[in-house]
């Protein structure tokens, strides 16, 4: 099979876009020139752009093209390492990469540093019902190159403008700018393998705030039953944590290193009224937070295998890199490390939990199943996440649910679990949202959080 060269493909796509003048022009890109999955994605986007990132050096000058979007392997010789560490750093320093991107009338300059701390040292991939296998297969670090794919950093020298990107086979991830959050992913031509590595590869860039075209059926506000919490599909973007919040986290770490007491310390703030008088203000307190590690097992069902194919592991790890970065944000106020210890890929649905359109039944089945996989003294996880392409519903006529979890179950091995419907890169924010429920966080419109939640709709626990 012959593939269309990227230069030709990009020229044709740009010509198509230039010729379109209707409000629905963005959805009219020639489908026969795109990967079917991305053709469907573009139909849902109200606004997007196609552009090619350029790798540059720290000064913004073009980088040699022969190391563009190449994977860094452990055994590579230092002289030919495509991700060399800074010359002023030690040999163990994290490699850095810089990219420049022009889109939406702006220049985005990415300053990125490798980060794979969200992948456990003994990260294991478990294949259930794989073709040619009669039993579960365990693969420790199945593809060692993958852990070198993931980077995080900032955009345009602004620390609050964060970026979480995989650089293998292109730029895949999310980043923030002054006008909102963006997703970026490589553009795939018809029939292209997703691990193709080429220079000047065009990418799709779209805003998370872009209203998406939805079917004519109505969308529902997010309801929260007494013991379960579900997240629903909505025309608005999935609620994301408010990145770049201010906190005293750095000070806390410094104090921990000095061995200071761990009691809550009163911060400068408003005084509290006497018990007998009206309470108009509350005293704010700050506390010292020790690092905490949450070990996660992620399960991808057979529908995910059919949809993502050979790129599934890379895709799941990209999602989890975003989830881990969300919980690393200073606005969290705690040192939370999300670590994926096991990825279970279900090739044969008979080898996994029973998954159906019924969200609550699926959650119940998955919770029981994941507990049976939490081996004492073996591969242990604190919580389990199911990612599925099954359209999960709260009722026969209400299939707007994106995820489901019970509140405050992190310490219950039978119920420390959540389910999420795969919807692209935004799935990472749904996973983070459902994990929040497992950690006992209610929605922002809950009475406990309403005062803070109304200040901004861009929090991870937004109800929709």
Protein backbone atom coordinates (compact mmCIF):
# COMPACT_ATOMS: atom_id res chain seq x y z
CA UNK A 1 0.00 0.00 0.00
CA UNK A 2 1.33 3.43 -0.88
CA UNK A 3 0.86 6.32 1.51
CA UNK A 4 0.43 9.95 0.54
CA UNK A 5 3.61 11.90 1.41
CA UNK A 6 3.09 14.33 4.28
CA UNK A 7 4.00 17.37 2.20
CA UNK A 8 1.38 16.44 -0.40
CA UNK A 9 -1.22 15.56 2.24
CA UNK A 10 -0.70 18.84 4.09
CA UNK A 11 -0.92 20.83 0.84
CA UNK A 12 -4.18 19.13 -0.10
CA UNK A 13 -5.70 19.63 3.34
CA UNK A 14 -4.73 23.30 3.48
CA UNK A 15 -6.16 23.81 0.00
CA UNK A 16 -9.42 22.20 1.07
CA UNK A 17 -9.61 24.46 4.12
CA UNK A 18 -8.84 27.58 2.07
CA UNK A 19 -11.64 26.78 -0.36
CA UNK A 20 -14.25 26.38 2.35
CA UNK A 21 -16.35 29.35 3.35
CA UNK A 22 -19.40 27.90 5.11
CA UNK A 23 -19.79 27.83 8.95
CA UNK A 24 -19.36 24.06 8.78
CA UNK A 25 -16.16 24.28 6.78
CA UNK A 26 -14.07 22.68 9.52
CA UNK A 27 -16.13 19.51 9.30
CA UNK A 28 -15.86 19.33 5.53
CA UNK A 29 -12.25 18.15 5.26
CA UNK A 30 -11.99 15.34 2.76
CA UNK A 31 -12.59 12.17 4.78
CA UNK A 32 -10.94 9.96 2.19
CA UNK A 33 -7.59 11.59 2.99
CA UNK A 34 -7.79 11.08 6.73
CA UNK A 35 -7.65 8.16 9.11
CA UNK A 36 -11.31 7.16 9.76
CA UNK A 37 -10.96 7.80 13.48
CA UNK A 38 -9.67 11.32 12.97
CA UNK A 39 -12.26 12.05 10.30
CA UNK A 40 -14.89 11.32 12.93
CA UNK A 41 -13.09 13.52 15.46
CA UNK A 42 -13.01 16.49 13.10
CA UNK A 43 -16.75 16.19 12.59
CA UNK A 44 -17.27 16.88 16.29
CA UNK A 45 -14.96 19.89 16.51
CA UNK A 46 -16.27 23.40 16.07
CA UNK A 47 -12.79 24.81 15.52
CA UNK A 48 -9.37 23.34 14.89
CA UNK A 49 -6.18 23.98 12.95
CA UNK A 50 -3.64 21.82 11.18
CA UNK A 51 0.02 22.76 11.65
CA UNK A 52 3.46 21.18 11.84
CA UNK A 53 5.53 21.58 15.03
CA UNK A 54 9.20 22.36 14.53
CA UNK A 55 11.86 21.14 16.91
CA UNK A 56 14.14 23.98 18.01
CA UNK A 57 16.94 24.50 20.48
CA UNK A 58 16.69 26.44 23.75
CA UNK A 59 17.13 29.70 21.81
CA UNK A 60 14.35 28.89 19.37
CA UNK A 61 16.66 28.06 16.47
CA UNK A 62 15.83 25.07 14.21
CA UNK A 63 17.13 21.71 15.41
CA UNK A 64 18.68 19.04 13.12
CA UNK A 65 15.79 17.30 11.41
CA UNK A 66 17.25 13.81 11.68
CA UNK A 67 16.32 13.63 15.37
CA UNK A 68 12.74 14.85 14.98
CA UNK A 69 10.18 12.76 16.90
CA UNK A 70 12.59 9.89 17.52
CA UNK A 71 12.33 7.60 20.52
CA UNK A 72 15.13 7.54 23.05
CA UNK A 73 16.18 4.01 23.98
CA UNK A 74 18.17 2.98 27.02
CA UNK A 75 20.99 1.36 25.08
CA UNK A 76 21.53 4.21 22.66
CA UNK A 77 25.07 5.56 22.50
CA UNK A 78 25.50 8.99 24.05
CA UNK A 79 27.06 10.32 20.86
CA UNK A 80 23.92 9.54 18.85
CA UNK A 81 21.35 10.10 21.59
CA UNK A 82 18.52 12.16 20.02
CA UNK A 83 17.58 13.54 23.44
CA UNK A 84 20.92 14.67 24.86
CA UNK A 85 21.00 16.09 28.36
CA UNK A 86 22.15 19.62 28.87
CA UNK A 87 25.92 19.91 28.70
CA UNK A 88 25.90 21.65 32.04
CA UNK A 89 24.05 18.81 33.71
CA UNK A 90 25.20 15.48 35.00
CA UNK A 91 24.75 12.34 32.97
CA UNK A 92 21.71 11.43 35.03
CA UNK A 93 19.90 14.68 34.30
CA UNK A 94 16.55 14.56 32.54
CA UNK A 95 16.74 15.24 28.80
CA UNK A 96 15.04 18.34 27.45
CA UNK A 97 13.32 19.20 24.20
CA UNK A 98 11.98 22.41 22.68
CA UNK A 99 9.33 22.80 19.99
CA UNK A 100 7.74 25.74 18.20
CA UNK A 101 4.17 25.63 16.93
CA UNK A 102 2.14 28.24 15.04
CA UNK A 103 -1.63 27.89 15.44
CA UNK A 104 -4.69 30.03 16.16
CA UNK A 105 -2.72 33.16 15.29
CA UNK A 106 -0.16 32.48 18.00
CA UNK A 107 3.35 31.16 18.43
CA UNK A 108 3.69 28.45 21.06
CA UNK A 109 7.20 27.64 22.29
CA UNK A 110 7.38 24.42 24.30
CA UNK A 111 10.10 23.91 26.90
CA UNK A 112 9.82 20.24 27.86
CA UNK A 113 11.60 17.89 30.25
CA UNK A 114 11.31 14.11 30.20
CA UNK A 115 9.14 12.66 32.95
CA UNK A 116 8.30 9.01 33.48
CA UNK A 117 7.76 9.07 37.24
CA UNK A 118 4.12 8.09 36.76
CA UNK A 119 5.28 4.69 35.44
CA UNK A 120 6.21 2.28 38.25
CA UNK A 121 9.75 0.83 38.14
CA UNK A 122 8.21 -2.65 37.83
CA UNK A 123 5.39 -1.55 35.53
CA UNK A 124 3.75 -4.65 34.08
CA UNK A 125 1.55 -5.23 31.06
CA UNK A 126 -0.89 -8.13 31.42
CA UNK A 127 -2.44 -9.55 28.26
CA UNK A 128 -5.65 -11.53 28.73
CA UNK A 129 -6.90 -13.72 25.90
CA UNK A 130 -4.26 -12.50 23.47
CA UNK A 131 -4.13 -14.37 20.13
CA UNK A 132 -1.98 -17.49 20.46
CA UNK A 133 -1.90 -17.30 24.26
CA UNK A 134 -3.76 -19.75 26.47
CA UNK A 135 -3.04 -17.90 29.69
CA UNK A 136 -2.22 -14.52 31.05
CA UNK A 137 1.07 -13.14 29.82
CA UNK A 138 3.12 -10.74 31.92
CA UNK A 139 5.55 -8.35 30.31
CA UNK A 140 7.66 -6.14 32.51
CA UNK A 141 8.38 -2.95 30.56
CA UNK A 142 7.09 -4.54 27.36
CA UNK A 143 8.47 -1.75 25.22
CA UNK A 144 11.23 0.06 27.11
CA UNK A 145 11.25 2.90 24.61
CA UNK A 146 7.79 4.01 25.73
CA UNK A 147 8.89 5.37 29.08
CA UNK A 148 11.12 7.83 27.23
CA UNK A 149 8.18 9.23 25.26
CA UNK A 150 6.68 11.40 27.96
CA UNK A 151 7.52 15.02 28.68
CA UNK A 152 6.07 17.85 30.67
CA UNK A 153 6.95 21.51 30.91
CA UNK A 154 5.59 24.91 30.04
CA UNK A 155 4.67 27.10 27.09
CA UNK A 156 6.11 30.52 26.23
CA UNK A 157 8.20 30.67 29.42
CA UNK A 158 5.07 30.89 31.59
CA UNK A 159 5.17 28.39 34.45
CA UNK A 160 1.38 28.40 34.76
CA UNK A 161 1.03 27.51 31.06
CA UNK A 162 1.69 23.82 31.50
CA UNK A 163 2.20 21.15 28.85
CA UNK A 164 2.02 17.35 29.09
CA UNK A 165 3.12 15.76 25.84
CA UNK A 166 4.27 12.45 24.39
CA UNK A 167 6.94 13.03 21.76
CA UNK A 168 6.94 9.57 20.21
CA UNK A 169 5.67 9.61 16.63
CA UNK A 170 4.64 13.24 16.98
CA UNK A 171 3.21 15.45 19.72
CA UNK A 172 0.28 13.89 21.59
CA UNK A 173 -1.12 15.58 24.68
CA UNK A 174 -2.43 18.82 26.12
CA UNK A 175 -1.11 22.28 26.89
CA UNK A 176 -2.36 25.54 28.30
CA UNK A 177 -2.06 29.08 26.99
CA UNK A 178 -3.42 32.44 28.10
CA UNK A 179 -6.67 31.81 26.21
CA UNK A 180 -7.37 28.29 27.43
CA UNK A 181 -6.39 24.66 27.09
CA UNK A 182 -5.51 22.87 23.88
CA UNK A 183 -5.15 19.31 22.65
CA UNK A 184 -2.63 18.29 20.02
CA UNK A 185 -2.26 15.02 18.14
CA UNK A 186 -0.52 13.86 14.95
CA UNK A 187 -2.57 13.88 11.77
CA UNK A 188 -2.96 10.38 10.33
CA UNK A 189 -3.56 9.68 6.67
CA UNK A 190 -5.76 6.80 5.55
CA UNK A 191 -4.34 3.46 6.62
CA UNK A 192 -1.27 4.94 8.28
CA UNK A 193 0.40 3.13 11.13
CA UNK A 194 0.32 5.29 14.23
CA UNK A 195 3.99 4.76 15.06
CA UNK A 196 5.21 6.30 11.81
CA UNK A 197 8.04 8.73 12.51
CA UNK A 198 8.45 11.50 9.96
CA UNK A 199 9.75 15.02 9.88
CA UNK A 200 7.40 18.00 9.50
CA UNK A 201 4.44 15.82 10.44
CA UNK A 202 1.18 17.84 10.43
CA UNK A 203 -0.86 17.86 13.64
CA UNK A 204 -4.42 18.67 14.64
CA UNK A 205 -4.66 21.37 17.31
CA UNK A 206 -8.00 22.15 18.92
CA UNK A 207 -9.23 23.99 21.98
CA UNK A 208 -10.77 22.15 24.88
CA UNK A 209 -13.19 25.06 25.18
CA UNK A 210 -14.44 24.54 21.61
CA UNK A 211 -18.15 23.59 21.70
CA UNK A 212 -18.52 20.21 20.10
CA UNK A 213 -21.28 19.29 17.70
CA UNK A 214 -23.56 16.81 19.42
CA UNK A 215 -26.44 14.66 18.19
CA UNK A 216 -29.90 16.14 18.49
CA UNK A 217 -30.59 14.27 21.72
CA UNK A 218 -30.49 16.40 24.85
CA UNK A 219 -27.69 16.50 27.36
CA UNK A 220 -28.27 16.28 31.05
CA UNK A 221 -26.79 17.96 34.09
CA UNK A 222 -24.63 15.75 36.23
CA UNK A 223 -26.63 14.12 39.00
CA UNK A 224 -24.99 12.67 42.11
CA UNK A 225 -26.77 9.77 43.82
CA UNK A 226 -26.14 9.32 47.51
CA UNK A 227 -23.48 6.63 47.20
CA UNK A 228 -22.31 6.94 43.59
CA UNK A 229 -21.11 9.79 41.49
CA UNK A 230 -21.29 9.85 37.72
CA UNK A 231 -19.92 12.17 35.10
CA UNK A 232 -21.95 12.97 32.03
CA UNK A 233 -21.31 14.00 28.48
CA UNK A 234 -22.04 17.64 27.85
CA UNK A 235 -21.47 20.25 25.18
CA UNK A 236 -18.99 21.90 27.47
CA UNK A 237 -15.50 20.57 27.88
CA UNK A 238 -14.81 18.12 30.71
CA UNK A 239 -13.99 20.06 33.86
CA UNK A 240 -10.27 20.38 34.33
CA UNK A 241 -8.28 21.34 37.33
CA UNK A 242 -7.40 25.00 37.50
CA UNK A 243 -3.75 24.74 36.58
CA UNK A 244 -1.21 27.13 37.94
CA UNK A 245 -2.91 27.81 41.26
CA UNK A 246 -0.90 29.47 44.01
CA UNK A 247 0.10 27.51 47.09
CA UNK A 248 2.78 27.16 49.72
CA UNK A 249 3.70 23.66 48.59
CA UNK A 250 7.35 24.51 47.95
CA UNK A 251 7.65 25.99 51.41
CA UNK A 252 6.10 22.86 52.89
CA UNK A 253 8.67 20.65 51.18
CA UNK A 254 11.47 22.84 52.51
CA UNK A 255 10.04 22.64 56.01
CA UNK A 256 9.74 18.87 55.76
CA UNK A 257 13.42 18.62 54.94
CA UNK A 258 14.18 20.54 58.12
CA UNK A 259 12.10 18.10 60.16
CA UNK A 260 9.57 20.62 61.39
CA UNK A 261 6.44 19.53 63.20
CA UNK A 262 3.52 18.29 61.11
CA UNK A 263 0.76 20.06 63.00
CA UNK A 264 -1.49 22.42 61.05
CA UNK A 265 -0.05 25.91 60.94
CA UNK A 266 -2.30 28.94 60.81
CA UNK A 267 -1.79 31.03 57.74
CA UNK A 268 -2.17 34.75 57.58
CA UNK A 269 -5.82 35.39 56.88
CA UNK A 270 -9.17 36.49 58.22
CA UNK A 271 -10.06 35.99 61.85
CA UNK A 272 -12.89 33.75 62.96
CA UNK A 273 -15.82 35.34 64.78
CA UNK A 274 -16.62 34.24 68.31
CA UNK A 275 -18.87 31.24 68.78
CA UNK A 276 -21.75 33.43 69.80
CA UNK A 277 -21.56 35.84 66.90
CA UNK A 278 -22.27 35.44 63.22
CA UNK A 279 -19.57 33.55 61.36
CA UNK A 280 -18.68 35.66 58.35
CA UNK A 281 -15.12 34.51 57.79
CA UNK A 282 -13.19 31.35 58.46
CA UNK A 283 -9.57 30.94 59.37
CA UNK A 284 -7.53 29.27 56.66
CA UNK A 285 -4.90 26.76 57.63
CA UNK A 286 -1.99 25.23 55.89
CA UNK A 287 -0.45 21.89 56.67
CA UNK A 288 2.61 19.89 55.81
CA UNK A 289 2.05 17.16 53.26
CA UNK A 290 4.19 14.07 52.94
CA UNK A 291 4.46 12.47 49.49
CA UNK A 292 1.74 9.91 48.91
CA UNK A 293 1.74 7.33 46.13
CA UNK A 294 -1.45 5.95 44.61
CA UNK A 295 -0.77 2.73 42.69
CA UNK A 296 -3.21 2.32 39.81
CA UNK A 297 -4.18 -0.65 37.69
CA UNK A 298 -5.62 0.43 34.34
CA UNK A 299 -7.77 -2.02 32.41
CA UNK A 300 -8.52 -1.61 28.69
CA UNK A 301 -11.30 -3.77 27.29
CA UNK A 302 -11.42 -5.55 23.94
CA UNK A 303 -13.26 -2.63 22.33
CA UNK A 304 -10.24 -0.48 23.16
CA UNK A 305 -8.00 -3.09 21.51
CA UNK A 306 -10.10 -3.05 18.34
CA UNK A 307 -10.21 0.76 18.25
CA UNK A 308 -6.61 1.69 19.10
CA UNK A 309 -4.80 -1.39 17.86
CA UNK A 310 -1.04 -1.50 18.37
CA UNK A 311 -1.04 2.06 19.72
CA UNK A 312 -3.15 1.16 22.76
CA UNK A 313 -0.34 0.98 25.34
CA UNK A 314 1.14 4.30 24.21
CA UNK A 315 -2.32 5.92 24.28
CA UNK A 316 -3.15 4.67 27.78
CA UNK A 317 0.22 5.81 29.14
CA UNK A 318 -0.31 9.23 27.55
CA UNK A 319 -3.65 9.54 29.33
CA UNK A 320 -2.09 8.53 32.64
CA UNK A 321 0.76 11.01 32.20
CA UNK A 322 -1.88 13.75 32.00
CA UNK A 323 -3.75 12.35 35.02
CA UNK A 324 -0.54 12.25 37.04
CA UNK A 325 0.26 15.85 36.10
CA UNK A 326 -3.21 16.99 37.15
CA UNK A 327 -2.65 15.61 40.63
CA UNK A 328 0.81 17.18 40.73
CA UNK A 329 -0.64 20.66 40.31
CA UNK A 330 0.24 23.02 43.19
CA UNK A 331 -3.43 23.90 43.67
CA UNK A 332 -4.00 20.36 45.00
CA UNK A 333 -2.10 21.30 48.15
CA UNK A 334 -0.89 17.73 48.70
CA UNK A 335 2.02 15.73 47.34
CA UNK A 336 0.04 13.11 45.41
CA UNK A 337 1.85 10.80 43.00
CA UNK A 338 -0.36 8.82 40.63
CA UNK A 339 1.63 5.77 39.51
CA UNK A 340 0.49 3.13 37.03
CA UNK A 341 1.71 -0.29 38.17
CA UNK A 342 -0.20 -2.57 35.82
CA UNK A 343 -1.90 -2.23 32.46
CA UNK A 344 -4.32 -5.05 31.74
CA UNK A 345 -5.30 -5.44 28.09
CA UNK A 346 -8.34 -7.66 27.51
CA UNK A 347 -8.23 -9.19 24.02
CA UNK A 348 -11.07 -11.61 24.68
CA UNK A 349 -14.08 -10.20 26.51
CA UNK A 350 -14.67 -13.59 28.15
CA UNK A 351 -11.45 -13.10 30.12
CA UNK A 352 -12.48 -9.75 31.59
CA UNK A 353 -15.34 -8.30 33.62
CA UNK A 354 -18.84 -8.20 32.18
CA UNK A 355 -19.21 -4.80 30.48
CA UNK A 356 -22.55 -3.51 29.20
CA UNK A 357 -24.39 -0.26 28.52
CA UNK A 358 -25.56 -0.23 32.17
CA UNK A 359 -23.01 1.94 33.95
CA UNK A 360 -23.84 0.89 37.51
CA UNK A 361 -23.86 -2.82 36.69
CA UNK A 362 -20.59 -2.46 34.80
CA UNK A 363 -19.01 -0.67 37.76
CA UNK A 364 -20.18 -3.39 40.14
CA UNK A 365 -18.86 -6.16 37.89
CA UNK A 366 -15.55 -4.41 37.38
CA UNK A 367 -15.05 -3.77 41.09
CA UNK A 368 -15.50 -7.45 41.91
CA UNK A 369 -13.24 -8.47 39.03
CA UNK A 370 -10.40 -6.08 39.87
CA UNK A 371 -10.33 -7.28 43.47
CA UNK A 372 -9.66 -10.80 42.21
CA UNK A 373 -6.61 -9.43 40.35
CA UNK A 374 -5.13 -7.65 43.39
CA UNK A 375 -2.71 -10.38 44.38
CA UNK A 376 -1.34 -10.37 47.95
CA UNK A 377 2.41 -10.11 47.79
CA UNK A 378 2.28 -9.76 44.01
CA UNK A 379 1.13 -7.01 41.68
CA UNK A 380 -0.69 -4.70 44.07
CA UNK A 381 -2.86 -1.71 43.24
CA UNK A 382 -4.63 0.83 45.44
CA UNK A 383 -7.34 1.55 42.89
CA UNK A 384 -8.39 0.25 39.48
CA UNK A 385 -9.56 2.18 36.42
CA UNK A 386 -11.51 0.63 33.56
CA UNK A 387 -11.30 2.42 30.21
CA UNK A 388 -13.82 1.19 27.65
CA UNK A 389 -15.20 2.11 24.23
CA UNK A 390 -18.59 0.79 25.36
CA UNK A 391 -21.22 3.53 25.40
CA UNK A 392 -22.18 3.44 29.08
CA UNK A 393 -25.61 4.68 30.14
CA UNK A 394 -27.42 5.44 33.38
CA UNK A 395 -30.71 4.38 31.73
CA UNK A 396 -31.85 3.05 28.36
CA UNK A 397 -32.54 6.56 27.08
CA UNK A 398 -29.80 8.40 29.01
CA UNK A 399 -26.42 7.49 27.56
CA UNK A 400 -24.68 10.73 28.47
CA UNK A 401 -22.50 9.18 31.17
CA UNK A 402 -18.73 9.51 30.77
CA UNK A 403 -17.68 7.84 34.00
CA UNK A 404 -18.84 6.39 37.28
CA UNK A 405 -17.33 5.84 40.72
CA UNK A 406 -18.40 5.52 44.33
CA UNK A 407 -17.45 8.21 46.81
CA UNK A 408 -14.65 7.66 49.30
CA UNK A 409 -13.77 4.05 48.50
CA UNK A 410 -9.98 4.31 48.20
CA UNK A 411 -9.46 2.30 51.40
CA UNK A 412 -11.96 -0.43 50.47
CA UNK A 413 -10.23 -3.01 48.24
CA UNK A 414 -13.59 -4.27 46.99
CA UNK A 415 -14.83 -0.84 45.88
CA UNK A 416 -11.71 1.19 45.07
CA UNK A 417 -12.48 1.34 41.37
CA UNK A 418 -13.97 3.50 38.63
CA UNK A 419 -15.06 3.22 35.01
CA UNK A 420 -14.50 5.70 32.19
CA UNK A 421 -15.76 5.80 28.62
CA UNK A 422 -12.98 6.57 26.16
CA UNK A 423 -13.59 9.81 24.27
CA UNK A 424 -10.11 10.80 23.13
CA UNK A 425 -7.53 12.84 25.00
CA UNK A 426 -10.23 14.40 27.20
CA UNK A 427 -10.58 10.93 28.75
CA UNK A 428 -7.61 11.83 30.97
CA UNK A 429 -9.67 14.51 32.69
CA UNK A 430 -12.57 12.10 33.17
CA UNK A 431 -10.22 9.58 34.78
CA UNK A 432 -8.89 12.31 37.08
CA UNK A 433 -12.47 13.31 37.92
CA UNK A 434 -13.51 9.78 38.84
CA UNK A 435 -10.34 9.28 40.87
CA UNK A 436 -11.35 12.40 42.77
CA UNK A 437 -14.60 10.69 43.74
CA UNK A 438 -12.69 7.61 44.87
CA UNK A 439 -10.63 10.00 47.03
CA UNK A 440 -13.96 11.21 48.51
CA UNK A 441 -14.17 14.51 46.63
CA UNK A 442 -17.73 15.58 45.74
CA UNK A 443 -18.69 17.77 42.80
CA UNK A 444 -17.95 21.48 42.93
CA UNK A 445 -21.66 22.28 43.26
CA UNK A 446 -21.88 20.25 46.47
CA UNK A 447 -22.69 22.33 49.54
CA UNK A 448 -19.24 21.59 50.96
CA UNK A 449 -17.50 23.01 47.90
CA UNK A 450 -20.00 25.45 46.42
CA UNK A 451 -18.26 28.58 47.70
CA UNK A 452 -14.98 27.64 46.02
CA UNK A 453 -16.52 25.90 43.04
CA UNK A 454 -18.39 28.95 41.75
CA UNK A 455 -15.17 30.95 41.42
CA UNK A 456 -14.18 29.10 38.26
CA UNK A 457 -15.76 26.36 36.11
CA UNK A 458 -12.33 24.95 35.29
CA UNK A 459 -11.88 22.54 38.17
CA UNK A 460 -11.36 18.79 37.99
CA UNK A 461 -14.49 18.11 40.04
CA UNK A 462 -16.84 20.19 37.89
CA UNK A 463 -20.13 18.23 37.61
CA UNK A 464 -20.04 18.17 33.78
